[in-house]
Structure formats: C-alpha cells, structure tokens
Amino acid sequence: MRTTKVIAFSVPPEFENDIQKHAKAEHRTISEYIREAVRQYMTLRDFEQTRKNVAKRIKRRGLKTSDVKSALSEARKRA
C-alpha cells in the first residue's frame, strides 16, 4: 500500500526547468524538493501568523516594541 499521495499541479515550462535544476543541484528528486519548499512555506506562514497575533496582543496592552525587546533581553540574561 502506498504511504504517499500524488498531487499534480501545473507550472510554466521555464519554472519546471528551474525546479529541475535546483533539485538536481541539491541531489534531490523533484518530489523531495517540492515537499521541502512547501514545508518551508507553511512554516513561514505559521511564523508570520504568530507574529501578527503577538503584535495585536502587544498593541492591546499598550506596549511598544522596545518594551518587549527590553523584557526579552532581560529574560535572556537571567536564563
């Protein structure tokens, strides 16, 4: 039984060539290369969403970015 799912998508020919070139340079299959790219994209999106949520909380509490940076710096010194 197969442990993966096949997802098909289309790209312009030039983009396909770039994908193949980069995958080959990293000694990966195209599937491995695309999986890693999607994984990194999703991680970045999650990070950005977290950053936005934290920024909203900071703003609601009337804090400034410099306040948060100072608090983090102090906490790191104590750790």
PDB file of N, CA and C in Angstrom:
ATOM      1  N   MET A   1       0.840  -1.186   0.000  1.00  0.00           N
ATOM      2  CA  MET A   1       0.000   0.000   0.000  1.00  0.00           C
ATOM      3  C   MET A   1       0.880   1.243   0.000  1.00  0.00           C
ATOM      4  N   ARG A   2       0.497   2.209  -0.763  1.00  0.00           N
ATOM      5  CA  ARG A   2       1.249   3.450  -0.897  1.00  0.00           C
ATOM      6  C   ARG A   2       1.108   4.316   0.357  1.00  0.00           C
ATOM      7  N   THR A   3       2.207   4.891   0.800  1.00  0.00           N
ATOM      8  CA  THR A   3       2.184   5.739   2.002  1.00  0.00           C
ATOM      9  C   THR A   3       2.195   7.220   1.664  1.00  0.00           C
ATOM     10  N   THR A   4       2.130   7.545   0.390  1.00  0.00           N
ATOM     11  CA  THR A   4       2.095   8.945  -0.030  1.00  0.00           C
ATOM     12  C   THR A   4       0.924   9.167  -0.964  1.00  0.00           C
ATOM     13  N   LYS A   5       0.561  10.421  -1.134  1.00  0.00           N
ATOM     14  CA  LYS A   5      -0.486  10.819  -2.078  1.00  0.00           C
ATOM     15  C   LYS A   5       0.168  11.586  -3.219  1.00  0.00           C
ATOM     16  N   VAL A   6      -0.356  11.422  -4.395  1.00  0.00           N
ATOM     17  CA  VAL A   6       0.141  12.152  -5.552  1.00  0.00           C
ATOM     18  C   VAL A   6      -0.722  13.397  -5.733  1.00  0.00           C
ATOM     19  N   ILE A   7      -0.062  14.537  -5.817  1.00  0.00           N
ATOM     20  CA  ILE A   7      -0.743  15.803  -6.085  1.00  0.00           C
ATOM     21  C   ILE A   7      -0.142  16.360  -7.367  1.00  0.00           C
ATOM     22  N   ALA A   8      -0.986  16.632  -8.315  1.00  0.00           N
ATOM     23  CA  ALA A   8      -0.496  17.177  -9.587  1.00  0.00           C
ATOM     24  C   ALA A   8      -0.797  18.669  -9.652  1.00  0.00           C
ATOM     25  N   PHE A   9       0.135  19.430 -10.199  1.00  0.00           N
ATOM     26  CA  PHE A   9      -0.085  20.847 -10.422  1.00  0.00           C
ATOM     27  C   PHE A   9       0.707  21.254 -11.646  1.00  0.00           C
ATOM     28  N   SER A  10       0.331  22.383 -12.207  1.00  0.00           N
ATOM     29  CA  SER A  10       0.989  22.810 -13.441  1.00  0.00           C
ATOM     30  C   SER A  10       1.859  24.028 -13.185  1.00  0.00           C
ATOM     31  N   VAL A  11       2.937  24.109 -13.950  1.00  0.00           N
ATOM     32  CA  VAL A  11       3.855  25.248 -13.893  1.00  0.00           C
ATOM     33  C   VAL A  11       4.281  25.576 -15.326  1.00  0.00           C
ATOM     34  N   PRO A  12       4.660  26.812 -15.558  1.00  0.00           N
ATOM     35  CA  PRO A  12       5.190  27.153 -16.887  1.00  0.00           C
ATOM     36  C   PRO A  12       6.489  26.370 -17.146  1.00  0.00           C
ATOM     37  N   PRO A  13       6.797  26.098 -18.398  1.00  0.00           N
ATOM     38  CA  PRO A  13       7.998  25.313 -18.722  1.00  0.00           C
ATOM     39  C   PRO A  13       9.293  25.871 -18.113  1.00  0.00           C
ATOM     40  N   GLU A  14       9.425  27.191 -18.082  1.00  0.00           N
ATOM     41  CA  GLU A  14      10.654  27.783 -17.535  1.00  0.00           C
ATOM     42  C   GLU A  14      10.776  27.467 -16.036  1.00  0.00           C
ATOM     43  N   PHE A  15       9.638  27.489 -15.353  1.00  0.00           N
ATOM     44  CA  PHE A  15       9.635  27.209 -13.920  1.00  0.00           C
ATOM     45  C   PHE A  15       9.981  25.745 -13.682  1.00  0.00           C
ATOM     46  N   GLU A  16       9.480  24.878 -14.519  1.00  0.00           N
ATOM     47  CA  GLU A  16       9.820  23.456 -14.407  1.00  0.00           C
ATOM     48  C   GLU A  16      11.328  23.271 -14.562  1.00  0.00           C
ATOM     49  N   ASN A  17      11.911  23.958 -15.524  1.00  0.00           N
ATOM     50  CA  ASN A  17      13.355  23.851 -15.726  1.00  0.00           C
ATOM     51  C   ASN A  17      14.114  24.317 -14.493  1.00  0.00           C
ATOM     52  N   ASP A  18      13.671  25.423 -13.886  1.00  0.00           N
ATOM     53  CA  ASP A  18      14.309  25.923 -12.663  1.00  0.00           C
ATOM     54  C   ASP A  18      14.188  24.920 -11.529  1.00  0.00           C
ATOM     55  N   ILE A  19      13.005  24.333 -11.372  1.00  0.00           N
ATOM     56  CA  ILE A  19      12.789  23.335 -10.316  1.00  0.00           C
ATOM     57  C   ILE A  19      13.734  22.155 -10.525  1.00  0.00           C
ATOM     58  N   GLN A  20      13.797  21.658 -11.742  1.00  0.00           N
ATOM     59  CA  GLN A  20      14.675  20.525 -12.034  1.00  0.00           C
ATOM     60  C   GLN A  20      16.137  20.867 -11.753  1.00  0.00           C
ATOM     61  N   LYS A  21      16.555  22.050 -12.162  1.00  0.00           N
ATOM     62  CA  LYS A  21      17.940  22.483 -11.967  1.00  0.00           C
ATOM     63  C   LYS A  21      18.276  22.560 -10.473  1.00  0.00           C
ATOM     64  N   HIS A  22      17.389  23.187  -9.690  1.00  0.00           N
ATOM     65  CA  HIS A  22      17.640  23.318  -8.257  1.00  0.00           C
ATOM     66  C   HIS A  22      17.596  21.970  -7.541  1.00  0.00           C
ATOM     67  N   ALA A  23      16.647  21.131  -7.906  1.00  0.00           N
ATOM     68  CA  ALA A  23      16.554  19.805  -7.290  1.00  0.00           C
ATOM     69  C   ALA A  23      17.822  18.999  -7.575  1.00  0.00           C
ATOM     70  N   LYS A  24      18.272  19.064  -8.807  1.00  0.00           N
ATOM     71  CA  LYS A  24      19.483  18.336  -9.185  1.00  0.00           C
ATOM     72  C   LYS A  24      20.701  18.862  -8.426  1.00  0.00           C
ATOM     73  N   ALA A  25      20.800  20.177  -8.282  1.00  0.00           N
ATOM     74  CA  ALA A  25      21.924  20.782  -7.570  1.00  0.00           C
ATOM     75  C   ALA A  25      21.962  20.342  -6.106  1.00  0.00           C
ATOM     76  N   GLU A  26      20.786  20.051  -5.541  1.00  0.00           N
ATOM     77  CA  GLU A  26      20.703  19.605  -4.146  1.00  0.00           C
ATOM     78  C   GLU A  26      20.655  18.082  -4.025  1.00  0.00           C
ATOM     79  N   HIS A  27      20.823  17.403  -5.143  1.00  0.00           N
ATOM     80  CA  HIS A  27      20.796  15.933  -5.174  1.00  0.00           C
ATOM     81  C   HIS A  27      19.503  15.396  -4.574  1.00  0.00           C
ATOM     82  N   ARG A  28      18.396  15.987  -4.999  1.00  0.00           N
ATOM     83  CA  ARG A  28      17.078  15.583  -4.536  1.00  0.00           C
ATOM     84  C   ARG A  28      16.198  15.258  -5.732  1.00  0.00           C
ATOM     85  N   THR A  29      15.166  14.473  -5.466  1.00  0.00           N
ATOM     86  CA  THR A  29      14.157  14.285  -6.506  1.00  0.00           C
ATOM     87  C   THR A  29      13.301  15.543  -6.540  1.00  0.00           C
ATOM     88  N   ILE A  30      12.564  15.707  -7.614  1.00  0.00           N
ATOM     89  CA  ILE A  30      11.667  16.856  -7.703  1.00  0.00           C
ATOM     90  C   ILE A  30      10.640  16.790  -6.569  1.00  0.00           C
ATOM     91  N   SER A  31      10.142  15.606  -6.272  1.00  0.00           N
ATOM     92  CA  SER A  31       9.170  15.467  -5.181  1.00  0.00           C
ATOM     93  C   SER A  31       9.765  15.907  -3.845  1.00  0.00           C
ATOM     94  N   GLU A  32      10.990  15.486  -3.560  1.00  0.00           N
ATOM     95  CA  GLU A  32      11.642  15.901  -2.309  1.00  0.00           C
ATOM     96  C   GLU A  32      11.821  17.410  -2.273  1.00  0.00           C
ATOM     97  N   TYR A  33      12.241  17.961  -3.388  1.00  0.00           N
ATOM     98  CA  TYR A  33      12.471  19.405  -3.475  1.00  0.00           C
ATOM     99  C   TYR A  33      11.174  20.181  -3.240  1.00  0.00           C
ATOM    100  N   ILE A  34      10.099  19.765  -3.894  1.00  0.00           N
ATOM    101  CA  ILE A  34       8.802  20.445  -3.750  1.00  0.00           C
ATOM    102  C   ILE A  34       8.266  20.268  -2.334  1.00  0.00           C
ATOM    103  N   ARG A  35       8.389  19.062  -1.764  1.00  0.00           N
ATOM    104  CA  ARG A  35       7.921  18.842  -0.384  1.00  0.00           C
ATOM    105  C   ARG A  35       8.618  19.794   0.578  1.00  0.00           C
ATOM    106  N   GLU A  36       9.938  19.931   0.438  1.00  0.00           N
ATOM    107  CA  GLU A  36      10.691  20.819   1.316  1.00  0.00           C
ATOM    108  C   GLU A  36      10.275  22.281   1.109  1.00  0.00           C
ATOM    109  N   ALA A  37      10.066  22.674  -0.131  1.00  0.00           N
ATOM    110  CA  ALA A  37       9.649  24.048  -0.420  1.00  0.00           C
ATOM    111  C   ALA A  37       8.287  24.337   0.221  1.00  0.00           C
ATOM    112  N   VAL A  38       7.371  23.405   0.109  1.00  0.00           N
ATOM    113  CA  VAL A  38       6.037  23.585   0.693  1.00  0.00           C
ATOM    114  C   VAL A  38       6.136  23.607   2.215  1.00  0.00           C
ATOM    115  N   ARG A  39       6.956  22.725   2.776  1.00  0.00           N
ATOM    116  CA  ARG A  39       7.160  22.684   4.237  1.00  0.00           C
ATOM    117  C   ARG A  39       7.684  24.035   4.735  1.00  0.00           C
ATOM    118  N   GLN A  40       8.677  24.566   4.055  1.00  0.00           N
ATOM    119  CA  GLN A  40       9.244  25.861   4.453  1.00  0.00           C
ATOM    120  C   GLN A  40       8.225  26.984   4.292  1.00  0.00           C
ATOM    121  N   TYR A  41       7.449  26.943   3.241  1.00  0.00           N
ATOM    122  CA  TYR A  41       6.423  27.954   3.014  1.00  0.00           C
ATOM    123  C   TYR A  41       5.395  27.932   4.146  1.00  0.00           C
ATOM    124  N   MET A  42       4.934  26.734   4.505  1.00  0.00           N
ATOM    125  CA  MET A  42       3.937  26.623   5.566  1.00  0.00           C
ATOM    126  C   MET A  42       4.509  27.071   6.911  1.00  0.00           C
ATOM    127  N   THR A  43       5.762  26.741   7.174  1.00  0.00           N
ATOM    128  CA  THR A  43       6.407  27.184   8.411  1.00  0.00           C
ATOM    129  C   THR A  43       6.488  28.701   8.458  1.00  0.00           C
ATOM    130  N   LEU A  44       6.862  29.297   7.348  1.00  0.00           N
ATOM    131  CA  LEU A  44       6.945  30.754   7.266  1.00  0.00           C
ATOM    132  C   LEU A  44       5.579  31.395   7.489  1.00  0.00           C
ATOM    133  N   ARG A  45       4.548  30.838   6.890  1.00  0.00           N
ATOM    134  CA  ARG A  45       3.184  31.363   7.069  1.00  0.00           C
ATOM    135  C   ARG A  45       2.750  31.247   8.527  1.00  0.00           C
ATOM    136  N   ASP A  46       3.039  30.108   9.164  1.00  0.00           N
ATOM    137  CA  ASP A  46       2.704  29.927  10.580  1.00  0.00           C
ATOM    138  C   ASP A  46       3.440  30.949  11.437  1.00  0.00           C
ATOM    139  N   PHE A  47       4.720  31.155  11.147  1.00  0.00           N
ATOM    140  CA  PHE A  47       5.519  32.128  11.898  1.00  0.00           C
ATOM    141  C   PHE A  47       4.935  33.527  11.731  1.00  0.00           C
ATOM    142  N   GLU A  48       4.593  33.890  10.507  1.00  0.00           N
ATOM    143  CA  GLU A  48       4.040  35.213  10.233  1.00  0.00           C
ATOM    144  C   GLU A  48       2.706  35.408  10.952  1.00  0.00           C
ATOM    145  N   GLN A  49       1.877  34.377  10.973  1.00  0.00           N
ATOM    146  CA  GLN A  49       0.599  34.475  11.676  1.00  0.00           C
ATOM    147  C   GLN A  49       0.822  34.652  13.176  1.00  0.00           C
ATOM    148  N   THR A  50       1.779  33.924  13.727  1.00  0.00           N
ATOM    149  CA  THR A  50       2.113  34.067  15.142  1.00  0.00           C
ATOM    150  C   THR A  50       2.616  35.476  15.423  1.00  0.00           C
ATOM    151  N   ARG A  51       3.475  35.996  14.554  1.00  0.00           N
ATOM    152  CA  ARG A  51       3.999  37.345  14.722  1.00  0.00           C
ATOM    153  C   ARG A  51       2.873  38.372  14.729  1.00  0.00           C
ATOM    154  N   LYS A  52       1.911  38.212  13.832  1.00  0.00           N
ATOM    155  CA  LYS A  52       0.774  39.129  13.785  1.00  0.00           C
ATOM    156  C   LYS A  52      -0.060  39.048  15.060  1.00  0.00           C
ATOM    157  N   ASN A  53      -0.285  37.830  15.542  1.00  0.00           N
ATOM    158  CA  ASN A  53      -1.062  37.653  16.771  1.00  0.00           C
ATOM    159  C   ASN A  53      -0.362  38.304  17.961  1.00  0.00           C
ATOM    160  N   VAL A  54       0.936  38.131  18.058  1.00  0.00           N
ATOM    161  CA  VAL A  54       1.700  38.729  19.151  1.00  0.00           C
ATOM    162  C   VAL A  54       1.668  40.256  19.032  1.00  0.00           C
ATOM    163  N   ALA A  55       1.802  40.764  17.829  1.00  0.00           N
ATOM    164  CA  ALA A  55       1.764  42.217  17.617  1.00  0.00           C
ATOM    165  C   ALA A  55       0.419  42.789  18.065  1.00  0.00           C
ATOM    166  N   LYS A  56      -0.677  42.084  17.790  1.00  0.00           N
ATOM    167  CA  LYS A  56      -2.003  42.536  18.228  1.00  0.00           C
ATOM    168  C   LYS A  56      -2.084  42.569  19.750  1.00  0.00           C
ATOM    169  N   ARG A  57      -1.567  41.526  20.391  1.00  0.00           N
ATOM    170  CA  ARG A  57      -1.600  41.467  21.860  1.00  0.00           C
ATOM    171  C   ARG A  57      -0.775  42.596  22.470  1.00  0.00           C
ATOM    172  N   ILE A  58       0.381  42.839  21.876  1.00  0.00           N
ATOM    173  CA  ILE A  58       1.255  43.919  22.370  1.00  0.00           C
ATOM    174  C   ILE A  58       0.528  45.257  22.258  1.00  0.00           C
ATOM    175  N   LYS A  59      -0.104  45.476  21.118  1.00  0.00           N
ATOM    176  CA  LYS A  59      -0.808  46.736  20.886  1.00  0.00           C
ATOM    177  C   LYS A  59      -1.973  46.890  21.861  1.00  0.00           C
ATOM    178  N   ARG A  60      -2.743  45.799  22.081  1.00  0.00           N
ATOM    179  CA  ARG A  60      -3.880  45.848  23.004  1.00  0.00           C
ATOM    180  C   ARG A  60      -3.452  46.208  24.422  1.00  0.00           C
ATOM    181  N   ARG A  61      -2.266  45.774  24.793  1.00  0.00           N
ATOM    182  CA  ARG A  61      -1.779  46.043  26.148  1.00  0.00           C
ATOM    183  C   ARG A  61      -1.066  47.392  26.261  1.00  0.00           C
ATOM    184  N   GLY A  62      -1.000  48.096  25.151  1.00  0.00           N
ATOM    185  CA  GLY A  62      -0.407  49.420  25.171  1.00  0.00           C
ATOM    186  C   GLY A  62       1.109  49.422  25.263  1.00  0.00           C
ATOM    187  N   LEU A  63       1.717  48.318  24.870  1.00  0.00           N
ATOM    188  CA  LEU A  63       3.177  48.222  24.922  1.00  0.00           C
ATOM    189  C   LEU A  63       3.779  48.672  23.601  1.00  0.00           C
ATOM    190  N   LYS A  64       5.058  48.995  23.659  1.00  0.00           N
ATOM    191  CA  LYS A  64       5.807  49.323  22.447  1.00  0.00           C
ATOM    192  C   LYS A  64       6.760  48.169  22.163  1.00  0.00           C
ATOM    193  N   THR A  65       7.193  48.073  20.915  1.00  0.00           N
ATOM    194  CA  THR A  65       8.138  47.034  20.526  1.00  0.00           C
ATOM    195  C   THR A  65       9.395  47.092  21.394  1.00  0.00           C
ATOM    196  N   SER A  66       9.835  48.303  21.691  1.00  0.00           N
ATOM    197  CA  SER A  66      11.041  48.445  22.510  1.00  0.00           C
ATOM    198  C   SER A  66      10.841  47.869  23.914  1.00  0.00           C
ATOM    199  N   ASP A  67       9.606  47.964  24.447  1.00  0.00           N
ATOM    200  CA  ASP A  67       9.305  47.377  25.759  1.00  0.00           C
ATOM    201  C   ASP A  67       9.485  45.858  25.716  1.00  0.00           C
ATOM    202  N   VAL A  68       8.991  45.261  24.655  1.00  0.00           N
ATOM    203  CA  VAL A  68       9.063  43.808  24.508  1.00  0.00           C
ATOM    204  C   VAL A  68      10.515  43.379  24.318  1.00  0.00           C
ATOM    205  N   LYS A  69      11.252  44.107  23.495  1.00  0.00           N
ATOM    206  CA  LYS A  69      12.663  43.778  23.277  1.00  0.00           C
ATOM    207  C   LYS A  69      13.449  43.863  24.575  1.00  0.00           C
ATOM    208  N   SER A  70      13.180  44.888  25.363  1.00  0.00           N
ATOM    209  CA  SER A  70      13.867  45.035  26.649  1.00  0.00           C
ATOM    210  C   SER A  70      13.528  43.882  27.585  1.00  0.00           C
ATOM    211  N   ALA A  71      12.269  43.503  27.655  1.00  0.00           N
ATOM    212  CA  ALA A  71      11.838  42.403  28.520  1.00  0.00           C
ATOM    213  C   ALA A  71      12.482  41.090  28.069  1.00  0.00           C
ATOM    214  N   LEU A  72      12.548  40.859  26.771  1.00  0.00           N
ATOM    215  CA  LEU A  72      13.164  39.631  26.262  1.00  0.00           C
ATOM    216  C   LEU A  72      14.666  39.617  26.583  1.00  0.00           C
ATOM    217  N   SER A  73      15.291  40.753  26.413  1.00  0.00           N
ATOM    218  CA  SER A  73      16.720  40.851  26.699  1.00  0.00           C
ATOM    219  C   SER A  73      17.001  40.535  28.172  1.00  0.00           C
ATOM    220  N   GLU A  74      16.194  41.084  29.059  1.00  0.00           N
ATOM    221  CA  GLU A  74      16.336  40.819  30.498  1.00  0.00           C
ATOM    222  C   GLU A  74      16.102  39.351  30.817  1.00  0.00           C
ATOM    223  N   ALA A  75      15.079  38.764  30.207  1.00  0.00           N
ATOM    224  CA  ALA A  75      14.769  37.352  30.451  1.00  0.00           C
ATOM    225  C   ALA A  75      15.911  36.455  29.974  1.00  0.00           C
ATOM    226  N   ARG A  76      16.515  36.801  28.844  1.00  0.00           N
ATOM    227  CA  ARG A  76      17.626  36.005  28.328  1.00  0.00           C
ATOM    228  C   ARG A  76      18.844  36.094  29.233  1.00  0.00           C
ATOM    229  N   LYS A  77      19.057  37.245  29.828  1.00  0.00           N
ATOM    230  CA  LYS A  77      20.191  37.409  30.741  1.00  0.00           C
ATOM    231  C   LYS A  77      20.030  36.526  31.971  1.00  0.00           C
ATOM    232  N   ARG A  78      18.778  36.375  32.429  1.00  0.00           N
ATOM    233  CA  ARG A  78      18.511  35.571  33.621  1.00  0.00           C
ATOM    234  C   ARG A  78      18.530  34.080  33.339  1.00  0.00           C
ATOM    235  N   ALA A  79      18.385  33.714  32.091  1.00  0.00           N
ATOM    236  CA  ALA A  79      18.290  32.266  31.728  1.00  0.00           C
ATOM    237  C   ALA A  79      19.640  31.600  31.709  1.00  0.00           C
TER     238      ALA A  79
END
